[in-house]
C-alpha atoms as a PDB file:
ATOM      1  CA  MET A   1     -36.396 -59.201  77.945  1.00  0.00           C
ATOM      2  CA  ARG A   2     -33.288 -56.960  78.035  1.00  0.00           C
ATOM      3  CA  ILE A   3     -34.033 -55.750  74.533  1.00  0.00           C
ATOM      4  CA  ASN A   4     -37.545 -54.898  75.408  1.00  0.00           C
ATOM      5  CA  ALA A   5     -36.403 -53.009  78.456  1.00  0.00           C
ATOM      6  CA  LYS A   6     -33.975 -50.958  76.377  1.00  0.00           C
ATOM      7  CA  GLY A   7     -36.710 -50.285  73.848  1.00  0.00           C
ATOM      8  CA  LEU A   8     -39.061 -49.138  76.561  1.00  0.00           C
ATOM      9  CA  THR A   9     -36.389 -46.830  77.962  1.00  0.00           C
ATOM     10  CA  LEU A  10     -35.758 -45.285  74.539  1.00  0.00           C
ATOM     11  CA  LEU A  11     -39.473 -44.871  73.994  1.00  0.00           C
ATOM     12  CA  SER A  12     -39.904 -43.067  77.289  1.00  0.00           C
ATOM     13  CA  ILE A  13     -37.044 -40.686  76.411  1.00  0.00           C
ATOM     14  CA  LEU A  14     -38.643 -39.831  73.048  1.00  0.00           C
ATOM     15  CA  VAL A  15     -42.018 -39.198  74.674  1.00  0.00           C
ATOM     16  CA  SER A  16     -40.432 -36.890  77.244  1.00  0.00           C
ATOM     17  CA  ALA A  17     -38.619 -34.939  74.505  1.00  0.00           C
ATOM     18  CA  ALA A  18     -41.843 -34.566  72.574  1.00  0.00           C
ATOM     19  CA  GLY A  19     -43.501 -33.010  75.630  1.00  0.00           C
ATOM     20  CA  ILE A  20     -40.643 -30.528  76.205  1.00  0.00           C
ATOM     21  CA  VAL A  21     -40.701 -29.082  72.660  1.00  0.00           C
ATOM     22  CA  PRO A  22     -44.209 -27.551  72.946  1.00  0.00           C
ATOM     23  CA  ALA A  23     -43.248 -26.081  76.304  1.00  0.00           C
ATOM     24  CA  PHE A  24     -40.273 -24.231  74.695  1.00  0.00           C
ATOM     25  CA  ALA A  25     -42.485 -23.165  71.821  1.00  0.00           C
ATOM     26  CA  ASP A  26     -45.048 -21.675  74.233  1.00  0.00           C
ATOM     27  CA  ALA A  27     -42.324 -19.866  76.119  1.00  0.00           C
ATOM     28  CA  GLY A  28     -41.128 -18.280  72.861  1.00  0.00           C
ATOM     29  CA  SER A  29     -44.631 -17.104  72.083  1.00  0.00           C
ATOM     30  CA  MET A  30     -44.896 -15.442  75.486  1.00  0.00           C
ATOM     31  CA  ASN A  31     -41.688 -13.507  74.924  1.00  0.00           C
ATOM     32  CA  MET A  32     -42.856 -12.306  71.518  1.00  0.00           C
ATOM     33  CA  THR A  33     -46.157 -11.138  72.946  1.00  0.00           C
ATOM     34  CA  ASN A  34     -44.452  -9.265  75.735  1.00  0.00           C
ATOM     35  CA  SER A  35     -42.177  -7.564  73.184  1.00  0.00           C
ATOM     36  CA  THR A  36     -45.230  -6.341  71.281  1.00  0.00           C
ATOM     37  CA  VAL A  37     -46.739  -4.841  74.433  1.00  0.00           C
ATOM     38  CA  GLN A  38     -43.531  -2.922  75.141  1.00  0.00           C
ATOM     39  CA  THR A  39     -43.766  -1.121  71.784  1.00  0.00           C
ATOM     40  CA  ASN A  40     -47.166   0.341  72.803  1.00  0.00           C
ATOM     41  CA  LEU A  41     -45.796   2.201  75.835  1.00  0.00           C
ATOM     42  CA  PRO A  42     -46.295   6.040  75.779  1.00  0.00           C
ATOM     43  CA  PRO A  43     -43.402   8.057  74.269  1.00  0.00           C
ATOM     44  CA  PRO A  44     -40.941   9.866  76.533  1.00  0.00           C
ATOM     45  CA  SER A  45     -41.767  13.376  77.709  1.00  0.00           C
ATOM     46  CA  TYR A  46     -39.433  15.144  75.270  1.00  0.00           C
ATOM     47  CA  MET A  47     -41.530  13.822  72.363  1.00  0.00           C
ATOM     48  CA  ILE A  48     -44.838  15.093  73.724  1.00  0.00           C
ATOM     49  CA  THR A  49     -46.478  18.007  71.886  1.00  0.00           C
ATOM     50  CA  ASN A  50     -48.106  20.680  74.069  1.00  0.00           C
ATOM     51  CA  SER A  51     -51.252  22.626  73.318  1.00  0.00           C
ATOM     52  CA  SER A  52     -49.293  25.314  71.458  1.00  0.00           C
ATOM     53  CA  GLY A  53     -47.842  22.779  69.033  1.00  0.00           C
ATOM     54  CA  ASN A  54     -44.257  23.171  70.268  1.00  0.00           C
ATOM     55  CA  SER A  55     -43.090  19.613  69.565  1.00  0.00           C
ATOM     56  CA  GLY A  56     -39.686  18.514  70.765  1.00  0.00           C
ATOM     57  CA  LYS A  57     -39.832  20.566  73.978  1.00  0.00           C
ATOM     58  CA  ILE A  58     -40.404  19.419  77.529  1.00  0.00           C
ATOM     59  CA  VAL A  59     -43.890  20.367  78.671  1.00  0.00           C
ATOM     60  CA  SER A  60     -44.137  21.989  82.071  1.00  0.00           C
ATOM     61  CA  MET A  61     -46.930  20.628  84.229  1.00  0.00           C
ATOM     62  CA  GLY A  62     -47.320  24.020  85.956  1.00  0.00           C
ATOM     63  CA  THR A  63     -48.806  27.276  84.661  1.00  0.00           C
ATOM     64  CA  SER A  64     -46.497  28.837  82.049  1.00  0.00           C
ATOM     65  CA  THR A  65     -45.743  32.588  81.935  1.00  0.00           C
ATOM     66  CA  PRO A  66     -46.684  34.242  78.596  1.00  0.00           C
ATOM     67  CA  ALA A  67     -43.814  35.595  76.519  1.00  0.00           C
ATOM     68  CA  ILE A  68     -45.379  39.073  76.655  1.00  0.00           C
ATOM     69  CA  ALA A  69     -48.570  40.627  78.042  1.00  0.00           C
ATOM     70  CA  VAL A  70     -50.068  44.067  77.307  1.00  0.00           C
ATOM     71  CA  ALA A  71     -53.097  46.017  78.581  1.00  0.00           C
ATOM     72  CA  THR A  72     -54.530  49.542  78.772  1.00  0.00           C
ATOM     73  CA  ASP A  73     -55.547  51.286  81.993  1.00  0.00           C
ATOM     74  CA  LYS A  74     -59.140  51.702  80.756  1.00  0.00           C
ATOM     75  CA  SER A  75     -61.374  49.994  78.233  1.00  0.00           C
ATOM     76  CA  SER A  76     -62.620  53.203  76.548  1.00  0.00           C
ATOM     77  CA  TYR A  77     -61.438  56.776  76.021  1.00  0.00           C
ATOM     78  CA  ASN A  78     -62.663  60.145  74.787  1.00  0.00           C
ATOM     79  CA  ASP A  79     -60.985  62.871  72.749  1.00  0.00           C
ATOM     80  CA  GLY A  80     -57.997  64.298  74.630  1.00  0.00           C
ATOM     81  CA  ASP A  81     -57.776  61.482  77.211  1.00  0.00           C
ATOM     82  CA  LYS A  82     -54.445  59.986  78.217  1.00  0.00           C
ATOM     83  CA  ILE A  83     -54.031  56.289  77.343  1.00  0.00           C
ATOM     84  CA  MET A  84     -51.621  54.353  79.520  1.00  0.00           C
ATOM     85  CA  ILE A  85     -50.374  51.153  77.870  1.00  0.00           C
ATOM     86  CA  SER A  86     -48.292  48.809  80.001  1.00  0.00           C
ATOM     87  CA  GLY A  87     -47.283  45.171  80.303  1.00  0.00           C
ATOM     88  CA  THR A  88     -44.646  42.605  81.158  1.00  0.00           C
ATOM     89  CA  THR A  89     -42.246  40.354  79.270  1.00  0.00           C
ATOM     90  CA  HIS A  90     -40.953  36.897  80.140  1.00  0.00           C
ATOM     91  CA  ASP A  91     -37.412  37.780  79.055  1.00  0.00           C
ATOM     92  CA  TYR A  92     -35.095  40.772  79.367  1.00  0.00           C
ATOM     93  CA  LEU A  93     -33.042  41.459  76.238  1.00  0.00           C
ATOM     94  CA  GLY A  94     -30.819  44.266  77.434  1.00  0.00           C
ATOM     95  CA  ASP A  95     -31.224  47.517  75.487  1.00  0.00           C
ATOM     96  CA  THR A  96     -33.554  45.958  72.915  1.00  0.00           C
ATOM     97  CA  PRO A  97     -36.727  48.107  72.771  1.00  0.00           C
ATOM     98  CA  LEU A  98     -40.259  46.861  72.349  1.00  0.00           C
ATOM     99  CA  THR A  99     -42.163  47.897  69.201  1.00  0.00           C
ATOM    100  CA  LEU A 100     -45.695  49.220  69.691  1.00  0.00           C
ATOM    101  CA  ILE A 101     -48.085  49.761  66.769  1.00  0.00           C
ATOM    102  CA  LEU A 102     -51.473  51.417  67.280  1.00  0.00           C
ATOM    103  CA  ARG A 103     -54.126  51.051  64.554  1.00  0.00           C
ATOM    104  CA  ASN A 104     -57.513  52.710  64.158  1.00  0.00           C
ATOM    105  CA  PRO A 105     -60.771  50.830  63.396  1.00  0.00           C
ATOM    106  CA  VAL A 106     -60.097  50.765  59.631  1.00  0.00           C
ATOM    107  CA  GLY A 107     -56.594  49.345  60.118  1.00  0.00           C
ATOM    108  CA  ASN A 108     -54.553  52.465  59.444  1.00  0.00           C
ATOM    109  CA  VAL A 109     -51.474  53.017  61.595  1.00  0.00           C
ATOM    110  CA  VAL A 110     -52.007  55.828  64.098  1.00  0.00           C
ATOM    111  CA  THR A 111     -48.588  55.683  65.712  1.00  0.00           C
ATOM    112  CA  VAL A 112     -45.466  53.507  65.965  1.00  0.00           C
ATOM    113  CA  ASN A 113     -43.280  53.730  69.069  1.00  0.00           C
ATOM    114  CA  GLN A 114     -40.107  52.109  70.353  1.00  0.00           C
ATOM    115  CA  VAL A 115     -40.693  51.475  74.061  1.00  0.00           C
ATOM    116  CA  PRO A 116     -37.817  50.623  76.430  1.00  0.00           C
ATOM    117  CA  VAL A 117     -38.189  47.513  78.610  1.00  0.00           C
ATOM    118  CA  ASN A 118     -37.076  47.892  82.224  1.00  0.00           C
ATOM    119  CA  THR A 119     -34.753  45.463  83.966  1.00  0.00           C
ATOM    120  CA  ASP A 120     -37.733  44.135  85.943  1.00  0.00           C
ATOM    121  CA  LYS A 121     -39.266  43.112  82.568  1.00  0.00           C
ATOM    122  CA  THR A 122     -41.995  45.768  82.616  1.00  0.00           C
ATOM    123  CA  PHE A 123     -42.812  48.493  80.096  1.00  0.00           C
ATOM    124  CA  SER A 124     -45.231  51.404  79.807  1.00  0.00           C
ATOM    125  CA  ILE A 125     -46.055  54.360  77.583  1.00  0.00           C
ATOM    126  CA  THR A 126     -48.679  57.104  77.734  1.00  0.00           C
ATOM    127  CA  LEU A 127     -50.363  58.456  74.590  1.00  0.00           C
ATOM    128  CA  THR A 128     -52.855  61.280  74.164  1.00  0.00           C
ATOM    129  CA  ALA A 129     -55.972  60.408  72.179  1.00  0.00           C
ATOM    130  CA  GLY A 130     -56.939  62.938  69.550  1.00  0.00           C
ATOM    131  CA  GLY A 131     -55.953  64.498  66.248  1.00  0.00           C
ATOM    132  CA  ALA A 132     -56.343  63.935  62.548  1.00  0.00           C
ATOM    133  CA  LEU A 133     -55.506  60.213  62.683  1.00  0.00           C
ATOM    134  CA  TRP A 134     -57.959  59.595  65.536  1.00  0.00           C
ATOM    135  CA  GLN A 135     -61.119  60.841  63.851  1.00  0.00           C
ATOM    136  CA  ALA A 136     -62.681  57.372  63.448  1.00  0.00           C
ATOM    137  CA  ALA A 137     -64.715  56.082  66.382  1.00  0.00           C
ATOM    138  CA  GLY A 138     -64.625  52.405  67.308  1.00  0.00           C
ATOM    139  CA  THR A 139     -62.145  49.718  68.310  1.00  0.00           C
ATOM    140  CA  TYR A 140     -58.450  50.623  68.293  1.00  0.00           C
ATOM    141  CA  SER A 141     -55.866  47.831  68.497  1.00  0.00           C
ATOM    142  CA  VAL A 142     -52.493  47.853  70.261  1.00  0.00           C
ATOM    143  CA  TYR A 143     -49.878  45.403  68.937  1.00  0.00           C
ATOM    144  CA  VAL A 144     -46.578  44.881  70.750  1.00  0.00           C
ATOM    145  CA  GLN A 145     -43.589  42.821  69.659  1.00  0.00           C
ATOM    146  CA  PHE A 146     -40.392  42.217  71.605  1.00  0.00           C
ATOM    147  CA  GLY A 147     -37.435  40.746  69.777  1.00  0.00           C
ATOM    148  CA  GLY A 148     -39.456  38.534  67.419  1.00  0.00           C
ATOM    149  CA  GLN A 149     -42.937  37.422  66.427  1.00  0.00           C
ATOM    150  CA  ASP A 150     -42.852  34.666  69.037  1.00  0.00           C
ATOM    151  CA  ARG A 151     -42.914  37.469  71.621  1.00  0.00           C
ATOM    152  CA  SER A 152     -46.005  39.445  70.592  1.00  0.00           C
ATOM    153  CA  ALA A 153     -49.409  40.322  72.010  1.00  0.00           C
ATOM    154  CA  THR A 154     -52.458  42.445  71.184  1.00  0.00           C
ATOM    155  CA  THR A 155     -55.061  44.340  73.155  1.00  0.00           C
ATOM    156  CA  THR A 156     -57.893  46.706  72.170  1.00  0.00           C
ATOM    157  CA  PHE A 157     -59.814  49.679  73.497  1.00  0.00           C
ATOM    158  CA  GLN A 158     -62.781  51.791  72.439  1.00  0.00           C
ATOM    159  CA  PHE A 159     -62.420  55.426  71.360  1.00  0.00           C
ATOM    160  CA  SER A 160     -65.209  57.941  70.780  1.00  0.00           C
ATOM    161  CA  GLY A 161     -63.407  59.660  67.899  1.00  0.00           C
ATOM    162  CA  SER A 162     -61.613  62.985  67.531  1.00  0.00           C
ATOM    163  CA  HIS A 163     -63.743  65.826  66.217  1.00  0.00           C
ATOM    164  CA  ILE A 164     -61.831  68.257  64.006  1.00  0.00           C
ATOM    165  CA  THR A 165     -64.081  70.707  62.189  1.00  0.00           C
ATOM    166  CA  GLY A 166     -63.185  72.669  59.090  1.00  0.00           C
ATOM    167  CA  PRO A 167     -59.810  73.029  57.399  1.00  0.00           C
ATOM    168  CA  GLY A 168     -58.342  74.764  60.447  1.00  0.00           C
ATOM    169  CA  ASN A 169     -57.680  78.255  61.742  1.00  0.00           C
ATOM    170  CA  THR A 170     -55.078  80.650  60.363  1.00  0.00           C
ATOM    171  CA  ILE A 171     -52.931  82.905  62.537  1.00  0.00           C
ATOM    172  CA  GLN A 172     -50.266  85.447  61.615  1.00  0.00           C
ATOM    173  CA  VAL A 173     -46.777  84.716  62.956  1.00  0.00           C
ATOM    174  CA  ASP A 174     -45.495  87.726  64.897  1.00  0.00           C
ATOM    175  CA  GLY A 175     -42.467  89.402  63.334  1.00  0.00           C
ATOM    176  CA  THR A 176     -43.019  87.869  59.897  1.00  0.00           C
ATOM    177  CA  ASN A 177     -45.305  88.188  56.922  1.00  0.00           C
ATOM    178  CA  SER A 178     -46.168  84.464  57.134  1.00  0.00           C
ATOM    179  CA  SER A 179     -49.036  82.599  58.774  1.00  0.00           C
ATOM    180  CA  VAL A 180     -49.715  79.040  59.943  1.00  0.00           C
ATOM    181  CA  THR A 181     -52.853  76.906  59.859  1.00  0.00           C
ATOM    182  CA  TYR A 182     -53.828  74.885  62.919  1.00  0.00           C
ATOM    183  CA  THR A 183     -56.489  72.901  64.754  1.00  0.00           C
ATOM    184  CA  ILE A 184     -56.483  72.266  68.487  1.00  0.00           C
ATOM    185  CA  THR A 185     -58.499  70.106  70.873  1.00  0.00           C
ATOM    186  CA  ASN A 186     -59.174  71.124  74.485  1.00  0.00           C
ATOM    187  CA  GLY A 187     -57.500  74.487  74.126  1.00  0.00           C
ATOM    188  CA  LYS A 188     -56.925  77.595  72.040  1.00  0.00           C
ATOM    189  CA  VAL A 189     -53.915  79.237  70.422  1.00  0.00           C
ATOM    190  CA  LEU A 190     -53.136  82.708  71.753  1.00  0.00           C
ATOM    191  CA  ASP A 191     -50.272  83.685  69.431  1.00  0.00           C
ATOM    192  CA  VAL A 192     -47.339  82.361  67.405  1.00  0.00           C
ATOM    193  CA  LYS A 193     -43.919  83.994  67.340  1.00  0.00           C
ATOM    194  CA  ALA A 194     -40.768  83.321  65.314  1.00  0.00           C
ATOM    195  CA  ASP A 195     -37.499  83.139  67.246  1.00  0.00           C
ATOM    196  CA  THR A 196     -34.592  83.524  64.830  1.00  0.00           C
ATOM    197  CA  ASN A 197     -31.952  82.881  67.493  1.00  0.00           C
ATOM    198  CA  SER A 198     -33.268  79.394  68.300  1.00  0.00           C
ATOM    199  CA  LYS A 199     -34.640  78.822  64.769  1.00  0.00           C
ATOM    200  CA  SER A 200     -38.045  78.021  66.214  1.00  0.00           C
ATOM    201  CA  LEU A 201     -41.718  78.883  66.365  1.00  0.00           C
ATOM    202  CA  ILE A 202     -43.151  79.549  69.809  1.00  0.00           C
ATOM    203  CA  VAL A 203     -46.866  78.789  70.115  1.00  0.00           C
ATOM    204  CA  SER A 204     -48.638  80.137  73.201  1.00  0.00           C
ATOM    205  CA  ILE A 205     -51.757  78.165  74.143  1.00  0.00           C
ATOM    206  CA  GLN A 206     -54.448  78.073  76.807  1.00  0.00           C
ATOM    207  CA  THR A 207     -55.737  74.611  77.698  1.00  0.00           C
ATOM    208  CA  THR A 208     -58.955  73.165  79.105  1.00  0.00           C
ATOM    209  CA  GLY A 209     -57.649  69.586  79.269  1.00  0.00           C
ATOM    210  CA  ASP A 210     -55.248  67.181  77.605  1.00  0.00           C
ATOM    211  CA  GLY A 211     -55.323  67.735  73.874  1.00  0.00           C
ATOM    212  CA  VAL A 212     -53.523  67.851  70.541  1.00  0.00           C
ATOM    213  CA  LEU A 213     -52.255  70.762  68.439  1.00  0.00           C
ATOM    214  CA  THR A 214     -52.093  70.063  64.704  1.00  0.00           C
ATOM    215  CA  ILE A 215     -50.149  72.809  62.935  1.00  0.00           C
ATOM    216  CA  THR A 216     -49.226  73.261  59.259  1.00  0.00           C
ATOM    217  CA  MET A 217     -46.126  75.413  58.711  1.00  0.00           C
ATOM    218  CA  PRO A 218     -44.890  76.813  55.378  1.00  0.00           C
ATOM    219  CA  ARG A 219     -41.354  75.724  54.530  1.00  0.00           C
ATOM    220  CA  THR A 220     -40.549  79.354  53.729  1.00  0.00           C
ATOM    221  CA  LEU A 221     -41.283  80.162  57.371  1.00  0.00           C
ATOM    222  CA  ILE A 222     -39.553  77.287  59.153  1.00  0.00           C
ATOM    223  CA  ASP A 223     -38.011  74.019  58.029  1.00  0.00           C
ATOM    224  CA  ALA A 224     -35.742  71.223  59.256  1.00  0.00           C
ATOM    225  CA  LYS A 225     -33.093  70.020  56.810  1.00  0.00           C
ATOM    226  CA  LYS A 226     -30.096  67.708  56.911  1.00  0.00           C
ATOM    227  CA  ILE A 227     -26.729  68.649  55.405  1.00  0.00           C
ATOM    228  CA  ASP A 228     -27.618  66.816  52.178  1.00  0.00           C
ATOM    229  CA  GLY A 229     -30.820  68.851  51.823  1.00  0.00           C
ATOM    230  CA  THR A 230     -33.278  66.105  52.766  1.00  0.00           C
ATOM    231  CA  ASP A 231     -35.937  66.577  55.426  1.00  0.00           C
ATOM    232  CA  ASP A 232     -34.862  66.225  59.034  1.00  0.00           C
ATOM    233  CA  GLN A 233     -37.040  65.854  62.122  1.00  0.00           C
ATOM    234  CA  TYR A 234     -38.177  68.842  64.136  1.00  0.00           C
ATOM    235  CA  PHE A 235     -37.494  69.110  67.857  1.00  0.00           C
ATOM    236  CA  VAL A 236     -40.506  69.949  70.059  1.00  0.00           C
ATOM    237  CA  LEU A 237     -40.602  71.293  73.620  1.00  0.00           C
ATOM    238  CA  ASN A 238     -43.697  71.549  75.811  1.00  0.00           C
ATOM    239  CA  ASP A 239     -43.005  74.194  78.464  1.00  0.00           C
ATOM    240  CA  GLY A 240     -39.293  73.581  77.993  1.00  0.00           C
ATOM    241  CA  GLN A 241     -39.521  69.786  78.279  1.00  0.00           C
ATOM    242  CA  GLU A 242     -38.821  67.515  75.309  1.00  0.00           C
ATOM    243  CA  ASN A 243     -41.963  66.094  73.712  1.00  0.00           C
ATOM    244  CA  ASP A 244     -41.146  62.842  71.883  1.00  0.00           C
ATOM    245  CA  GLN A 245     -44.800  61.954  71.258  1.00  0.00           C
ATOM    246  CA  PHE A 246     -45.359  64.344  68.352  1.00  0.00           C
ATOM    247  CA  GLN A 247     -45.763  63.055  64.783  1.00  0.00           C
ATOM    248  CA  GLU A 248     -45.323  64.521  61.331  1.00  0.00           C
ATOM    249  CA  THR A 249     -48.635  63.730  59.646  1.00  0.00           C
ATOM    250  CA  GLY A 250     -48.272  65.634  56.392  1.00  0.00           C
ATOM    251  CA  THR A 251     -45.417  66.675  54.100  1.00  0.00           C
ATOM    252  CA  THR A 252     -45.574  68.560  50.806  1.00  0.00           C
ATOM    253  CA  ALA A 253     -43.166  70.658  48.785  1.00  0.00           C
ATOM    254  CA  ALA A 254     -44.724  73.795  50.299  1.00  0.00           C
ATOM    255  CA  ASP A 255     -45.378  72.936  53.932  1.00  0.00           C
ATOM    256  CA  ARG A 256     -45.122  70.372  56.740  1.00  0.00           C
ATOM    257  CA  THR A 257     -47.739  69.365  59.332  1.00  0.00           C
ATOM    258  CA  LEU A 258     -47.062  68.285  62.915  1.00  0.00           C
ATOM    259  CA  GLN A 259     -49.452  66.692  65.399  1.00  0.00           C
ATOM    260  CA  ILE A 260     -48.343  67.635  68.915  1.00  0.00           C
ATOM    261  CA  PRO A 261     -50.025  66.226  72.041  1.00  0.00           C
ATOM    262  CA  PHE A 262     -50.016  68.311  75.219  1.00  0.00           C
ATOM    263  CA  SER A 263     -51.171  67.905  78.795  1.00  0.00           C
ATOM    264  CA  ASN A 264     -53.588  70.151  80.623  1.00  0.00           C
ATOM    265  CA  GLY A 265     -51.804  73.241  81.926  1.00  0.00           C
ATOM    266  CA  THR A 266     -49.267  73.487  79.087  1.00  0.00           C
ATOM    267  CA  SER A 267     -48.777  77.137  78.139  1.00  0.00           C
ATOM    268  CA  GLN A 268     -46.065  77.058  75.474  1.00  0.00           C
ATOM    269  CA  ILE A 269     -45.076  74.731  72.623  1.00  0.00           C
ATOM    270  CA  GLU A 270     -41.791  75.401  70.843  1.00  0.00           C
ATOM    271  CA  ILE A 271     -41.092  73.872  67.433  1.00  0.00           C
ATOM    272  CA  ILE A 272     -37.374  73.933  66.588  1.00  0.00           C
ATOM    273  CA  GLY A 273     -36.019  73.461  63.078  1.00  0.00           C
ATOM    274  CA  THR A 274     -32.804  74.226  61.241  1.00  0.00           C
ATOM    275  CA  PHE A 275     -34.143  77.325  59.507  1.00  0.00           C
ATOM    276  CA  VAL A 276     -36.593  80.088  60.342  1.00  0.00           C
ATOM    277  CA  VAL A 277     -37.274  83.342  58.481  1.00  0.00           C
ATOM    278  CA  PRO A 278     -34.180  85.561  58.799  1.00  0.00           C
ATOM    279  CA  GLU A 279     -34.224  88.636  60.978  1.00  0.00           C
ATOM    280  CA  PHE A 280     -34.273  90.792  57.854  1.00  0.00           C
ATOM    281  CA  GLY A 281     -37.273  89.459  55.999  1.00  0.00           C
ATOM    282  CA  ALA A 282     -38.782  91.053  52.918  1.00  0.00           C
ATOM    283  CA  ILE A 283     -40.473  93.898  54.822  1.00  0.00           C
ATOM    284  CA  ALA A 284     -37.474  94.524  57.068  1.00  0.00           C
ATOM    285  CA  ALA A 285     -35.163  94.622  54.068  1.00  0.00           C
ATOM    286  CA  LEU A 286     -37.441  97.161  52.358  1.00  0.00           C
ATOM    287  CA  VAL A 287     -37.487  99.378  55.447  1.00  0.00           C
ATOM    288  CA  LEU A 288     -33.689  99.177  55.677  1.00  0.00           C
ATOM    289  CA  ALA A 289     -33.319 100.123  52.008  1.00  0.00           C
ATOM    290  CA  ILE A 290     -35.606 103.155  52.418  1.00  0.00           C
ATOM    291  CA  ALA A 291     -33.655 104.258  55.475  1.00  0.00           C
ATOM    292  CA  ILE A 292     -30.340 104.052  53.619  1.00  0.00           C
ATOM    293  CA  ILE A 293     -31.710 106.002  50.631  1.00  0.00           C
ATOM    294  CA  SER A 294     -33.073 108.668  52.974  1.00  0.00           C
ATOM    295  CA  ILE A 295     -29.710 109.052  54.713  1.00  0.00           C
ATOM    296  CA  VAL A 296     -27.904 109.406  51.374  1.00  0.00           C
ATOM    297  CA  ALA A 297     -30.405 112.008  50.171  1.00  0.00           C
ATOM    298  CA  ILE A 298     -30.146 114.062  53.352  1.00  0.00           C
ATOM    299  CA  SER A 299     -26.353 113.881  53.251  1.00  0.00           C
ATOM    300  CA  ALA A 300     -26.238 115.145  49.689  1.00  0.00           C
ATOM    301  CA  LYS A 301     -28.598 118.034  50.479  1.00  0.00           C
ATOM    302  CA  THR A 302     -26.978 119.203  53.700  1.00  0.00           C
ATOM    303  CA  GLY A 303     -23.390 118.430  52.856  1.00  0.00           C
ATOM    304  CA  LEU A 304     -23.171 116.044  55.776  1.00  0.00           C
ATOM    305  CA  ARG A 305     -20.037 113.981  55.581  1.00  0.00           C
ATOM    306  CA  PHE A 306     -19.229 110.724  57.297  1.00  0.00           C
ATOM    307  CA  THR A 307     -15.457 110.883  56.739  1.00  0.00           C
ATOM    308  CA  PRO A 308     -13.361 112.056  59.664  1.00  0.00           C
ATOM    309  CA  ARG A 309     -11.591 115.388  59.448  1.00  0.00           C
ATOM    310  CA  VAL A 310      -7.834 115.372  59.017  1.00  0.00           C
END
């Protein structure tokens, strides 16, 4: 009887152990399943990619400010109109200027400008529509870049085209035996004078609106040279004020062409170089030579002497 009781006790212990093993096995399965679920949780915010594809950056839930924005004051312009281009930047980079490139409908560059950015992160520039590079009508594009390609923007406007007829007009330069060829929109040229003291040409105009003077000047009349003999830039004044919007649109061995915008009411455009025809040009030198010969001849005939008496 004692043996049987011990056997029954041992049997009950084995049965209990057999029941506990599956329970531990099930518990292990639960933990493994929970571990699998944890791996399917969404990634942390720094691994999320935003709509611009900037992976590895924290995405702001609010509205982001663009790196740069640009616009024109109107959607379309006519020949001689002023075009105001302005915008804002997200950053201020000190004295770093903004690059502006304007292209015509066929993709040719009309102008390239370096525009300063103000401390309040705004910028603006005013251009005058018209001239040889503006002849095409259609959509013109404005591209701006500030510091790098990640800070760039584009806008467009419509332009009716600049109408320049014929090869241009020719006018004699006062005080010289040279002439210049020109075209002008919204105005007319009254006269052109050479100023040897300031090494400049002074063009007097009468305007009917904002426009552009395109003038071709012979190098023998006026030129701008550096010390090494290479071409230098001209300096242009509109009614005594510096005009930094002009462009050199043509250069040959014989002449140079400038495109000079002006505002309505401008009466004088001065083009300053490093050389202008000397005071004694070919005609003046001839007149001086004749005068000297005449004085010598008269002196010989009359016995006129220029030496002082002793």
